[in-house]
Amino acid sequence: MKWYIKVLKNYGTFSGRASRTEYWMFVLVNFVISFILSFIQFVIDKPLFLPVIYSLLVAVPSLAVGARRLHDTGKSGWWQLITLVPLIGGIWLIILFCQPSDPKENRFGTMAKAA
């Protein structure tokens, strides 16, 4: 949960680097919360739009942590736009997110684990 809170505190920070742990823990908690909200909406059986509202609230932090994760691998945050390429783009972005951190200081700062 601390990784999720850390990402939310860095709400619109697109500079710097994020470790694999920070990124994937945010994704996991984000998925669980979205699932719970969708389940609540399903059980109540009324259009509460809870998942949509939540998705809008975490859209900027999701993009920011994604950009920082790509920075950690030495890539620009703009690589997130690769998802606009159908099917292959999303797969390629997941591969980029799974790559190990650049162990040296790169143009985006020092290694995320050391920072």
C-alpha atoms as a PDB file:
ATOM      1  CA  MET A   1       0.000   0.000   0.000  1.00  0.00           C
ATOM      2  CA  LYS A   2       2.942   2.353   0.634  1.00  0.00           C
ATOM      3  CA  TRP A   3       3.858   2.196  -3.065  1.00  0.00           C
ATOM      4  CA  TYR A   4       0.322   3.163  -4.048  1.00  0.00           C
ATOM      5  CA  ILE A   5       0.330   6.129  -1.647  1.00  0.00           C
ATOM      6  CA  LYS A   6       3.777   7.164  -2.894  1.00  0.00           C
ATOM      7  CA  VAL A   7       2.518   7.317  -6.479  1.00  0.00           C
ATOM      8  CA  LEU A   8      -0.543   9.337  -5.443  1.00  0.00           C
ATOM      9  CA  LYS A   9       1.657  11.789  -3.519  1.00  0.00           C
ATOM     10  CA  ASN A  10       3.718  12.292  -6.695  1.00  0.00           C
ATOM     11  CA  TYR A  11       0.423  12.981  -8.507  1.00  0.00           C
ATOM     12  CA  GLY A  12       1.689  14.756 -11.619  1.00  0.00           C
ATOM     13  CA  THR A  13       5.434  14.200 -11.343  1.00  0.00           C
ATOM     14  CA  PHE A  14       6.603  12.973 -14.721  1.00  0.00           C
ATOM     15  CA  SER A  15      10.303  13.532 -14.008  1.00  0.00           C
ATOM     16  CA  GLY A  16      12.577  11.125 -12.211  1.00  0.00           C
ATOM     17  CA  ARG A  17      12.589   7.346 -12.089  1.00  0.00           C
ATOM     18  CA  ALA A  18      10.335   4.625 -10.619  1.00  0.00           C
ATOM     19  CA  SER A  19      11.473   1.095  -9.783  1.00  0.00           C
ATOM     20  CA  ARG A  20       9.733  -2.008 -11.050  1.00  0.00           C
ATOM     21  CA  THR A  21       8.376  -2.634  -7.557  1.00  0.00           C
ATOM     22  CA  GLU A  22       6.864   0.845  -7.313  1.00  0.00           C
ATOM     23  CA  TYR A  23       5.205   0.553 -10.711  1.00  0.00           C
ATOM     24  CA  TRP A  24       3.848  -2.995 -10.402  1.00  0.00           C
ATOM     25  CA  MET A  25       2.616  -2.551  -6.826  1.00  0.00           C
ATOM     26  CA  PHE A  26       0.709   0.540  -7.967  1.00  0.00           C
ATOM     27  CA  VAL A  27      -0.781  -1.475 -10.838  1.00  0.00           C
ATOM     28  CA  LEU A  28      -1.761  -4.312  -8.481  1.00  0.00           C
ATOM     29  CA  VAL A  29      -3.472  -2.078  -5.904  1.00  0.00           C
ATOM     30  CA  ASN A  30      -5.113  -0.082  -8.695  1.00  0.00           C
ATOM     31  CA  PHE A  31      -6.485  -3.317 -10.194  1.00  0.00           C
ATOM     32  CA  VAL A  32      -7.816  -4.535  -6.836  1.00  0.00           C
ATOM     33  CA  ILE A  33      -9.574  -1.228  -6.119  1.00  0.00           C
ATOM     34  CA  SER A  34     -11.082  -1.166  -9.619  1.00  0.00           C
ATOM     35  CA  PHE A  35     -12.279  -4.756  -9.197  1.00  0.00           C
ATOM     36  CA  ILE A  36     -13.890  -3.997  -5.832  1.00  0.00           C
ATOM     37  CA  LEU A  37     -15.659  -0.914  -7.190  1.00  0.00           C
ATOM     38  CA  SER A  38     -16.913  -2.857 -10.209  1.00  0.00           C
ATOM     39  CA  PHE A  39     -18.149  -5.642  -7.927  1.00  0.00           C
ATOM     40  CA  ILE A  40     -19.998  -3.123  -5.745  1.00  0.00           C
ATOM     41  CA  GLN A  41     -21.639  -1.621  -8.810  1.00  0.00           C
ATOM     42  CA  PHE A  42     -22.612  -5.108 -10.017  1.00  0.00           C
ATOM     43  CA  VAL A  43     -24.104  -6.105  -6.646  1.00  0.00           C
ATOM     44  CA  ILE A  44     -26.096  -2.890  -6.288  1.00  0.00           C
ATOM     45  CA  ASP A  45     -27.198  -3.219  -9.926  1.00  0.00           C
ATOM     46  CA  LYS A  46     -27.498   0.537 -10.396  1.00  0.00           C
ATOM     47  CA  PRO A  47     -25.340   2.821 -12.547  1.00  0.00           C
ATOM     48  CA  LEU A  48     -23.143   4.374  -9.849  1.00  0.00           C
ATOM     49  CA  PHE A  49     -20.225   4.992 -12.229  1.00  0.00           C
ATOM     50  CA  LEU A  50     -17.783   4.276  -9.375  1.00  0.00           C
ATOM     51  CA  PRO A  51     -15.192   2.542 -11.594  1.00  0.00           C
ATOM     52  CA  VAL A  52     -15.340   5.355 -14.153  1.00  0.00           C
ATOM     53  CA  ILE A  53     -14.899   8.078 -11.531  1.00  0.00           C
ATOM     54  CA  TYR A  54     -12.022   6.182  -9.928  1.00  0.00           C
ATOM     55  CA  SER A  55     -10.334   5.672 -13.316  1.00  0.00           C
ATOM     56  CA  LEU A  56     -10.534   9.389 -14.017  1.00  0.00           C
ATOM     57  CA  LEU A  57      -9.044  10.193 -10.605  1.00  0.00           C
ATOM     58  CA  VAL A  58      -6.016   7.935 -11.093  1.00  0.00           C
ATOM     59  CA  ALA A  59      -5.433   8.635 -14.796  1.00  0.00           C
ATOM     60  CA  VAL A  60      -2.722  11.271 -14.266  1.00  0.00           C
ATOM     61  CA  PRO A  61      -0.859   9.320 -11.539  1.00  0.00           C
ATOM     62  CA  SER A  62      -0.966   6.215 -13.766  1.00  0.00           C
ATOM     63  CA  LEU A  63       0.567   8.079 -16.682  1.00  0.00           C
ATOM     64  CA  ALA A  64       3.138   9.709 -14.396  1.00  0.00           C
ATOM     65  CA  VAL A  65       4.319   6.460 -12.809  1.00  0.00           C
ATOM     66  CA  GLY A  66       4.420   4.849 -16.259  1.00  0.00           C
ATOM     67  CA  ALA A  67       6.632   7.655 -17.547  1.00  0.00           C
ATOM     68  CA  ARG A  68       8.908   7.387 -14.512  1.00  0.00           C
ATOM     69  CA  ARG A  69       9.121   3.603 -14.987  1.00  0.00           C
ATOM     70  CA  LEU A  70      10.173   4.088 -18.597  1.00  0.00           C
ATOM     71  CA  HIS A  71      12.714   6.687 -17.470  1.00  0.00           C
ATOM     72  CA  ASP A  72      14.172   4.047 -15.152  1.00  0.00           C
ATOM     73  CA  THR A  73      14.887   1.850 -18.183  1.00  0.00           C
ATOM     74  CA  GLY A  74      16.417   4.759 -20.118  1.00  0.00           C
ATOM     75  CA  LYS A  75      13.401   5.376 -22.367  1.00  0.00           C
ATOM     76  CA  SER A  76      11.283   8.492 -22.777  1.00  0.00           C
ATOM     77  CA  GLY A  77       7.839   8.603 -21.166  1.00  0.00           C
ATOM     78  CA  TRP A  78       6.405   9.240 -24.615  1.00  0.00           C
ATOM     79  CA  TRP A  79       6.851   5.510 -25.300  1.00  0.00           C
ATOM     80  CA  GLN A  80       3.489   5.071 -23.560  1.00  0.00           C
ATOM     81  CA  LEU A  81       1.910   6.230 -26.816  1.00  0.00           C
ATOM     82  CA  ILE A  82       3.013   2.920 -28.378  1.00  0.00           C
ATOM     83  CA  THR A  83      -0.272   1.514 -27.043  1.00  0.00           C
ATOM     84  CA  LEU A  84      -1.988   3.345 -29.890  1.00  0.00           C
ATOM     85  CA  VAL A  85      -0.604   0.628 -32.169  1.00  0.00           C
ATOM     86  CA  PRO A  86      -3.248  -2.116 -31.973  1.00  0.00           C
ATOM     87  CA  LEU A  87      -2.313  -5.298 -30.071  1.00  0.00           C
ATOM     88  CA  ILE A  88       1.465  -5.152 -30.572  1.00  0.00           C
ATOM     89  CA  GLY A  89       1.794  -1.735 -28.910  1.00  0.00           C
ATOM     90  CA  GLY A  90       0.344  -2.879 -25.590  1.00  0.00           C
ATOM     91  CA  ILE A  91       2.481  -6.011 -25.558  1.00  0.00           C
ATOM     92  CA  TRP A  92       5.615  -3.996 -26.318  1.00  0.00           C
ATOM     93  CA  LEU A  93       4.833  -1.515 -23.531  1.00  0.00           C
ATOM     94  CA  ILE A  94       4.459  -4.350 -21.011  1.00  0.00           C
ATOM     95  CA  ILE A  95       7.846  -5.673 -22.138  1.00  0.00           C
ATOM     96  CA  LEU A  96       9.350  -2.213 -21.592  1.00  0.00           C
ATOM     97  CA  PHE A  97       7.789  -1.963 -18.114  1.00  0.00           C
ATOM     98  CA  CYS A  98       9.270  -5.373 -17.199  1.00  0.00           C
ATOM     99  CA  GLN A  99      12.826  -4.494 -18.191  1.00  0.00           C
ATOM    100  CA  PRO A 100      15.383  -4.132 -15.400  1.00  0.00           C
ATOM    101  CA  SER A 101      16.456  -0.711 -14.214  1.00  0.00           C
ATOM    102  CA  ASP A 102      19.372   1.066 -15.839  1.00  0.00           C
ATOM    103  CA  PRO A 103      22.026   0.572 -13.121  1.00  0.00           C
ATOM    104  CA  LYS A 104      23.841   3.802 -13.877  1.00  0.00           C
ATOM    105  CA  GLU A 105      22.692   7.367 -13.678  1.00  0.00           C
ATOM    106  CA  ASN A 106      20.940   8.273 -16.921  1.00  0.00           C
ATOM    107  CA  ARG A 107      19.509  11.506 -18.323  1.00  0.00           C
ATOM    108  CA  PHE A 108      16.457  11.099 -16.062  1.00  0.00           C
ATOM    109  CA  GLY A 109      18.346  10.898 -12.762  1.00  0.00           C
ATOM    110  CA  THR A 110      19.889   8.363 -10.423  1.00  0.00           C
ATOM    111  CA  MET A 111      18.669   4.792 -10.065  1.00  0.00           C
ATOM    112  CA  ALA A 112      15.224   4.629  -8.432  1.00  0.00           C
ATOM    113  CA  LYS A 113      16.291   2.164  -5.733  1.00  0.00           C
ATOM    114  CA  ALA A 114      19.195   4.409  -4.731  1.00  0.00           C
ATOM    115  CA  ALA A 115      17.092   7.577  -4.724  1.00  0.00           C
END
